[in-house]
Amino acid sequence: LTKMFEETVRGTVEEVKTYFETHPVKGEFVI
């Protein structure tokens, strides 16, 4: 959040999990 690579992913738990299986999991997360 507030940084260059800020990202928000929305969807079901399954969809979000699938997304992060193939995308960066860097930085602190707010769920």
All heavy atoms as atom14 arrays in JSON, in Angstrom:
{
  "sequence": "LTKMFEETVRGTVEEVKTYFETHPVKGEFVI",
  "atom14_mask": [
    [1, 1, 1, 1, 1, 1, 1, 1, 0, 0, 0, 0, 0, 0],
    [1, 1, 1, 1, 1, 1, 1, 0, 0, 0, 0, 0, 0, 0],
    [1, 1, 1, 1, 1, 1, 1, 1, 1, 0, 0, 0, 0, 0],
    [1, 1, 1, 1, 1, 1, 1, 1, 0, 0, 0, 0, 0, 0],
    [1, 1, 1, 1, 1, 1, 1, 1, 1, 1, 1, 0, 0, 0],
    [1, 1, 1, 1, 1, 1, 1, 1, 1, 0, 0, 0, 0, 0],
    [1, 1, 1, 1, 1, 1, 1, 1, 1, 0, 0, 0, 0, 0],
    [1, 1, 1, 1, 1, 1, 1, 0, 0, 0, 0, 0, 0, 0],
    [1, 1, 1, 1, 1, 1, 1, 0, 0, 0, 0, 0, 0, 0],
    [1, 1, 1, 1, 1, 1, 1, 1, 1, 1, 1, 0, 0, 0],
    [1, 1, 1, 1, 0, 0, 0, 0, 0, 0, 0, 0, 0, 0],
    [1, 1, 1, 1, 1, 1, 1, 0, 0, 0, 0, 0, 0, 0],
    [1, 1, 1, 1, 1, 1, 1, 0, 0, 0, 0, 0, 0, 0],
    [1, 1, 1, 1, 1, 1, 1, 1, 1, 0, 0, 0, 0, 0],
    [1, 1, 1, 1, 1, 1, 1, 1, 1, 0, 0, 0, 0, 0],
    [1, 1, 1, 1, 1, 1, 1, 0, 0, 0, 0, 0, 0, 0],
    [1, 1, 1, 1, 1, 1, 1, 1, 1, 0, 0, 0, 0, 0],
    [1, 1, 1, 1, 1, 1, 1, 0, 0, 0, 0, 0, 0, 0],
    [1, 1, 1, 1, 1, 1, 1, 1, 1, 1, 1, 1, 0, 0],
    [1, 1, 1, 1, 1, 1, 1, 1, 1, 1, 1, 0, 0, 0],
    [1, 1, 1, 1, 1, 1, 1, 1, 1, 0, 0, 0, 0, 0],
    [1, 1, 1, 1, 1, 1, 1, 0, 0, 0, 0, 0, 0, 0],
    [1, 1, 1, 1, 1, 1, 1, 1, 1, 1, 0, 0, 0, 0],
    [1, 1, 1, 1, 1, 1, 1, 0, 0, 0, 0, 0, 0, 0],
    [1, 1, 1, 1, 1, 1, 1, 0, 0, 0, 0, 0, 0, 0],
    [1, 1, 1, 1, 1, 1, 1, 1, 1, 0, 0, 0, 0, 0],
    [1, 1, 1, 1, 0, 0, 0, 0, 0, 0, 0, 0, 0, 0],
    [1, 1, 1, 1, 1, 1, 1, 1, 1, 0, 0, 0, 0, 0],
    [1, 1, 1, 1, 1, 1, 1, 1, 1, 1, 1, 0, 0, 0],
    [1, 1, 1, 1, 1, 1, 1, 0, 0, 0, 0, 0, 0, 0],
    [1, 1, 1, 1, 1, 1, 1, 1, 0, 0, 0, 0, 0, 0]
  ],
  "atom14_positions": [
    [[0.82, -1.21, 0.0], [0.0, 0.0, 0.0], [0.86, 1.26, 0.0], [1.83, 1.36, 0.75], [-0.93, 0.0, 1.21], [-2.14, -0.94, 1.11], [-2.81, -1.09, 2.47], [-3.13, -0.43, 0.08], [0.0, 0.0, 0.0], [0.0, 0.0, 0.0], [0.0, 0.0, 0.0], [0.0, 0.0, 0.0], [0.0, 0.0, 0.0], [0.0, 0.0, 0.0]],
    [[0.49, 2.19, -0.83], [1.11, 3.51, -1.05], [2.45, 3.43, -1.77], [3.07, 4.46, -2.03], [1.32, 4.31, 0.27], [2.48, 3.82, 0.97], [0.11, 4.25, 1.16], [0.0, 0.0, 0.0], [0.0, 0.0, 0.0], [0.0, 0.0, 0.0], [0.0, 0.0, 0.0], [0.0, 0.0, 0.0], [0.0, 0.0, 0.0], [0.0, 0.0, 0.0]],
    [[2.9, 2.23, -2.12], [4.2, 2.09, -2.77], [4.02, 1.92, -4.29], [2.9, 1.83, -4.8], [4.94, 0.88, -2.19], [5.21, 1.02, -0.7], [5.89, -0.22, -0.14], [6.08, -0.11, 1.36], [6.69, -1.31, 1.96], [0.0, 0.0, 0.0], [0.0, 0.0, 0.0], [0.0, 0.0, 0.0], [0.0, 0.0, 0.0], [0.0, 0.0, 0.0]],
    [[5.12, 1.84, -5.01], [5.1, 1.8, -6.47], [4.31, 0.61, -7.0], [3.59, 0.73, -8.0], [6.54, 1.74, -7.01], [6.62, 1.73, -8.53], [8.32, 1.68, -9.13], [8.92, 3.27, -8.51], [0.0, 0.0, 0.0], [0.0, 0.0, 0.0], [0.0, 0.0, 0.0], [0.0, 0.0, 0.0], [0.0, 0.0, 0.0], [0.0, 0.0, 0.0]],
    [[4.44, -0.55, -6.34], [3.78, -1.75, -6.85], [2.53, -2.1, -6.04], [2.18, -3.26, -5.87], [4.76, -2.92, -6.86], [5.95, -2.7, -7.76], [7.19, -2.41, -7.22], [5.8, -2.72, -9.14], [8.29, -2.18, -8.04], [6.89, -2.49, -9.97], [8.13, -2.22, -9.43], [0.0, 0.0, 0.0], [0.0, 0.0, 0.0], [0.0, 0.0, 0.0]],
    [[1.85, -1.08, -5.54], [0.6, -1.3, -4.8], [-0.38, -2.11, -5.64], [-0.54, -1.87, -6.84], [-0.04, 0.04, -4.42], [-1.39, -0.09, -3.75], [-1.97, 1.24, -3.32], [-1.18, 2.19, -3.07], [-3.2, 1.35, -3.24], [0.0, 0.0, 0.0], [0.0, 0.0, 0.0], [0.0, 0.0, 0.0], [0.0, 0.0, 0.0], [0.0, 0.0, 0.0]],
    [[-1.05, -3.04, -4.97], [-1.97, -3.93, -5.7], [-3.1, -4.36, -4.79], [-2.89, -4.64, -3.61], [-1.2, -5.16, -6.19], [-2.05, -6.19, -6.92], [-1.25, -7.4, -7.36], [-0.35, -7.82, -6.6], [-1.52, -7.94, -8.44], [0.0, 0.0, 0.0], [0.0, 0.0, 0.0], [0.0, 0.0, 0.0], [0.0, 0.0, 0.0], [0.0, 0.0, 0.0]],
    [[-4.3, -4.4, -5.33], [-5.45, -4.95, -4.61], [-6.11, -6.0, -5.48], [-6.42, -5.75, -6.65], [-6.47, -3.85, -4.25], [-5.88, -2.93, -3.32], [-7.71, -4.45, -3.62], [0.0, 0.0, 0.0], [0.0, 0.0, 0.0], [0.0, 0.0, 0.0], [0.0, 0.0, 0.0], [0.0, 0.0, 0.0], [0.0, 0.0, 0.0], [0.0, 0.0, 0.0]],
    [[-6.29, -7.17, -4.91], [-6.91, -8.28, -5.63], [-8.23, -8.62, -4.93], [-8.26, -8.85, -3.72], [-5.99, -9.53, -5.64], [-6.67, -10.68, -6.38], [-4.66, -9.19, -6.28], [0.0, 0.0, 0.0], [0.0, 0.0, 0.0], [0.0, 0.0, 0.0], [0.0, 0.0, 0.0], [0.0, 0.0, 0.0], [0.0, 0.0, 0.0], [0.0, 0.0, 0.0]],
    [[-9.3, -8.67, -5.7], [-10.63, -8.95, -5.15], [-11.22, -10.2, -5.8], [-10.99, -10.46, -6.97], [-11.57, -7.77, -5.36], [-11.03, -6.44, -4.86], [-12.02, -5.31, -5.14], [-11.47, -4.01, -4.76], [-10.76, -3.23, -5.55], [-10.49, -3.63, -6.79], [-10.31, -2.07, -5.13], [0.0, 0.0, 0.0], [0.0, 0.0, 0.0], [0.0, 0.0, 0.0]],
    [[-11.98, -10.92, -5.03], [-12.63, -12.12, -5.55], [-12.93, -13.09, -4.43], [-12.86, -12.75, -3.25], [0.0, 0.0, 0.0], [0.0, 0.0, 0.0], [0.0, 0.0, 0.0], [0.0, 0.0, 0.0], [0.0, 0.0, 0.0], [0.0, 0.0, 0.0], [0.0, 0.0, 0.0], [0.0, 0.0, 0.0], [0.0, 0.0, 0.0], [0.0, 0.0, 0.0]],
    [[-13.25, -14.33, -4.76], [-13.47, -15.34, -3.74], [-12.12, -15.75, -3.15], [-11.07, -15.48, -3.73], [-14.16, -16.58, -4.32], [-13.26, -17.2, -5.27], [-15.47, -16.22, -5.02], [0.0, 0.0, 0.0], [0.0, 0.0, 0.0], [0.0, 0.0, 0.0], [0.0, 0.0, 0.0], [0.0, 0.0, 0.0], [0.0, 0.0, 0.0], [0.0, 0.0, 0.0]],
    [[-12.17, -16.44, -2.02], [-10.92, -16.92, -1.42], [-10.16, -17.8, -2.41], [-8.95, -17.68, -2.58], [-11.2, -17.72, -0.12], [-9.88, -18.17, 0.51], [-12.0, -16.9, 0.87], [0.0, 0.0, 0.0], [0.0, 0.0, 0.0], [0.0, 0.0, 0.0], [0.0, 0.0, 0.0], [0.0, 0.0, 0.0], [0.0, 0.0, 0.0], [0.0, 0.0, 0.0]],
    [[-10.88, -18.65, -3.1], [-10.26, -19.55, -4.07], [-9.62, -18.78, -5.21], [-8.5, -19.07, -5.64], [-11.3, -20.53, -4.62], [-10.74, -21.59, -5.55], [-9.82, -22.57, -4.84], [-10.22, -23.1, -3.79], [-8.68, -22.76, -5.32], [0.0, 0.0, 0.0], [0.0, 0.0, 0.0], [0.0, 0.0, 0.0], [0.0, 0.0, 0.0], [0.0, 0.0, 0.0]],
    [[-10.32, -17.77, -5.71], [-9.8, -16.97, -6.82], [-8.55, -16.18, -6.41], [-7.58, -16.1, -7.17], [-10.88, -16.01, -7.33], [-12.02, -16.71, -8.07], [-13.19, -15.79, -8.34], [-13.3, -14.74, -7.68], [-14.01, -16.14, -9.22], [0.0, 0.0, 0.0], [0.0, 0.0, 0.0], [0.0, 0.0, 0.0], [0.0, 0.0, 0.0], [0.0, 0.0, 0.0]],
    [[-8.58, -15.6, -5.22], [-7.43, -14.83, -4.74], [-6.23, -15.75, -4.53], [-5.09, -15.4, -4.88], [-7.79, -14.08, -3.44], [-6.54, -13.43, -2.84], [-8.85, -13.02, -3.72], [0.0, 0.0, 0.0], [0.0, 0.0, 0.0], [0.0, 0.0, 0.0], [0.0, 0.0, 0.0], [0.0, 0.0, 0.0], [0.0, 0.0, 0.0], [0.0, 0.0, 0.0]],
    [[-6.47, -16.92, -3.96], [-5.38, -17.89, -3.75], [-4.77, -18.3, -5.09], [-3.54, -18.35, -5.24], [-5.91, -19.11, -3.02], [-4.87, -20.22, -2.83], [-5.47, -21.36, -2.02], [-4.49, -22.53, -1.94], [-4.29, -23.17, -3.24], [0.0, 0.0, 0.0], [0.0, 0.0, 0.0], [0.0, 0.0, 0.0], [0.0, 0.0, 0.0], [0.0, 0.0, 0.0]],
    [[-5.61, -18.58, -6.07], [-5.12, -18.96, -7.39], [-4.3, -17.83, -8.02], [-3.26, -18.07, -8.64], [-6.31, -19.3, -8.32], [-7.02, -20.41, -7.76], [-5.82, -19.68, -9.71], [0.0, 0.0, 0.0], [0.0, 0.0, 0.0], [0.0, 0.0, 0.0], [0.0, 0.0, 0.0], [0.0, 0.0, 0.0], [0.0, 0.0, 0.0], [0.0, 0.0, 0.0]],
    [[-4.75, -16.59, -7.82], [-4.03, -15.45, -8.37], [-2.61, -15.36, -7.81], [-1.64, -15.21, -8.55], [-4.81, -14.16, -8.07], [-4.09, -12.91, -8.53], [-4.2, -12.46, -9.84], [-3.3, -12.17, -7.64], [-3.54, -11.31, -10.27], [-2.63, -11.03, -8.06], [-2.76, -10.61, -9.37], [-2.1, -9.48, -9.79], [0.0, 0.0, 0.0], [0.0, 0.0, 0.0]],
    [[-2.48, -15.48, -6.49], [-1.17, -15.32, -5.88], [-0.27, -16.54, -6.04], [0.92, -16.47, -5.72], [-1.31, -14.95, -4.4], [-1.65, -13.51, -4.19], [-2.87, -13.13, -3.65], [-0.75, -12.51, -4.55], [-3.18, -11.8, -3.47], [-1.05, -11.17, -4.38], [-2.28, -10.81, -3.85], [0.0, 0.0, 0.0], [0.0, 0.0, 0.0], [0.0, 0.0, 0.0]],
    [[-0.81, -17.61, -6.56], [0.03, -18.76, -6.88], [0.93, -18.47, -8.08], [1.96, -19.11, -8.27], [-0.84, -19.99, -7.16], [-1.45, -20.59, -5.9], [-2.42, -21.72, -6.2], [-2.85, -21.85, -7.38], [-2.77, -22.47, -5.27], [0.0, 0.0, 0.0], [0.0, 0.0, 0.0], [0.0, 0.0, 0.0], [0.0, 0.0, 0.0], [0.0, 0.0, 0.0]],
    [[0.55, -17.47, -8.88], [1.32, -17.14, -10.09], [1.75, -15.67, -10.14], [2.2, -15.19, -11.17], [0.51, -17.46, -11.35], [-0.74, -16.75, -11.31], [0.24, -18.96, -11.45], [0.0, 0.0, 0.0], [0.0, 0.0, 0.0], [0.0, 0.0, 0.0], [0.0, 0.0, 0.0], [0.0, 0.0, 0.0], [0.0, 0.0, 0.0], [0.0, 0.0, 0.0]],
    [[1.58, -14.96, -9.02], [1.95, -13.55, -8.97], [2.78, -13.29, -7.71], [2.76, -14.08, -6.77], [0.7, -12.65, -8.98], [-0.02, -12.66, -10.29], [-0.84, -13.71, -10.69], [-0.05, -11.76, -11.31], [-1.34, -13.45, -11.88], [-0.87, -12.28, -12.28], [0.0, 0.0, 0.0], [0.0, 0.0, 0.0], [0.0, 0.0, 0.0], [0.0, 0.0, 0.0]],
    [[3.51, -12.17, -7.66], [4.39, -11.88, -6.53], [3.66, -11.83, -5.2], [2.51, -11.35, -5.13], [4.97, -10.5, -6.87], [4.86, -10.41, -8.36], [3.6, -11.14, -8.71], [0.0, 0.0, 0.0], [0.0, 0.0, 0.0], [0.0, 0.0, 0.0], [0.0, 0.0, 0.0], [0.0, 0.0, 0.0], [0.0, 0.0, 0.0], [0.0, 0.0, 0.0]],
    [[4.29, -12.36, -4.16], [3.72, -12.29, -2.81], [4.68, -11.49, -1.91], [4.94, -11.84, -0.78], [3.47, -13.68, -2.21], [2.31, -14.36, -2.89], [4.73, -14.55, -2.3], [0.0, 0.0, 0.0], [0.0, 0.0, 0.0], [0.0, 0.0, 0.0], [0.0, 0.0, 0.0], [0.0, 0.0, 0.0], [0.0, 0.0, 0.0], [0.0, 0.0, 0.0]],
    [[5.2, -10.4, -2.47], [6.11, -9.54, -1.73], [5.34, -8.44, -1.02], [4.25, -8.06, -1.43], [7.14, -8.91, -2.68], [8.05, -9.92, -3.36], [9.03, -9.23, -4.3], [9.94, -10.23, -4.98], [10.9, -9.57, -5.91], [0.0, 0.0, 0.0], [0.0, 0.0, 0.0], [0.0, 0.0, 0.0], [0.0, 0.0, 0.0], [0.0, 0.0, 0.0]],
    [[5.92, -7.92, 0.07], [5.31, -6.82, 0.8], [4.39, -7.29, 1.9], [4.09, -8.48, 2.01], [0.0, 0.0, 0.0], [0.0, 0.0, 0.0], [0.0, 0.0, 0.0], [0.0, 0.0, 0.0], [0.0, 0.0, 0.0], [0.0, 0.0, 0.0], [0.0, 0.0, 0.0], [0.0, 0.0, 0.0], [0.0, 0.0, 0.0], [0.0, 0.0, 0.0]],
    [[3.94, -6.35, 2.7], [2.99, -6.67, 3.78], [1.57, -6.68, 3.21], [1.24, -5.86, 2.35], [3.11, -5.64, 4.9], [4.47, -5.65, 5.59], [4.81, -7.0, 6.19], [3.95, -7.59, 6.88], [5.93, -7.5, 5.96], [0.0, 0.0, 0.0], [0.0, 0.0, 0.0], [0.0, 0.0, 0.0], [0.0, 0.0, 0.0], [0.0, 0.0, 0.0]],
    [[0.74, -7.58, 3.74], [-0.61, -7.77, 3.22], [-1.67, -7.32, 4.22], [-1.53, -7.52, 5.43], [-0.85, -9.25, 2.89], [-0.13, -9.73, 1.66], [1.23, -9.99, 1.69], [-0.82, -9.91, 0.47], [1.89, -10.44, 0.56], [-0.17, -10.35, -0.68], [1.2, -10.61, -0.63], [0.0, 0.0, 0.0], [0.0, 0.0, 0.0], [0.0, 0.0, 0.0]],
    [[-2.73, -6.73, 3.69], [-3.92, -6.45, 4.47], [-5.06, -7.22, 3.8], [-5.32, -7.03, 2.61], [-4.27, -4.96, 4.51], [-5.48, -4.73, 5.42], [-3.09, -4.13, 5.0], [0.0, 0.0, 0.0], [0.0, 0.0, 0.0], [0.0, 0.0, 0.0], [0.0, 0.0, 0.0], [0.0, 0.0, 0.0], [0.0, 0.0, 0.0], [0.0, 0.0, 0.0]],
    [[-5.69, -8.08, 4.57], [-6.77, -8.92, 4.04], [-8.09, -8.42, 4.59], [-8.29, -8.37, 5.81], [-6.58, -10.39, 4.43], [-5.21, -10.9, 3.99], [-7.69, -11.26, 3.82], [-4.88, -12.3, 4.51], [0.0, 0.0, 0.0], [0.0, 0.0, 0.0], [0.0, 0.0, 0.0], [0.0, 0.0, 0.0], [0.0, 0.0, 0.0], [0.0, 0.0, 0.0]]
  ]
}
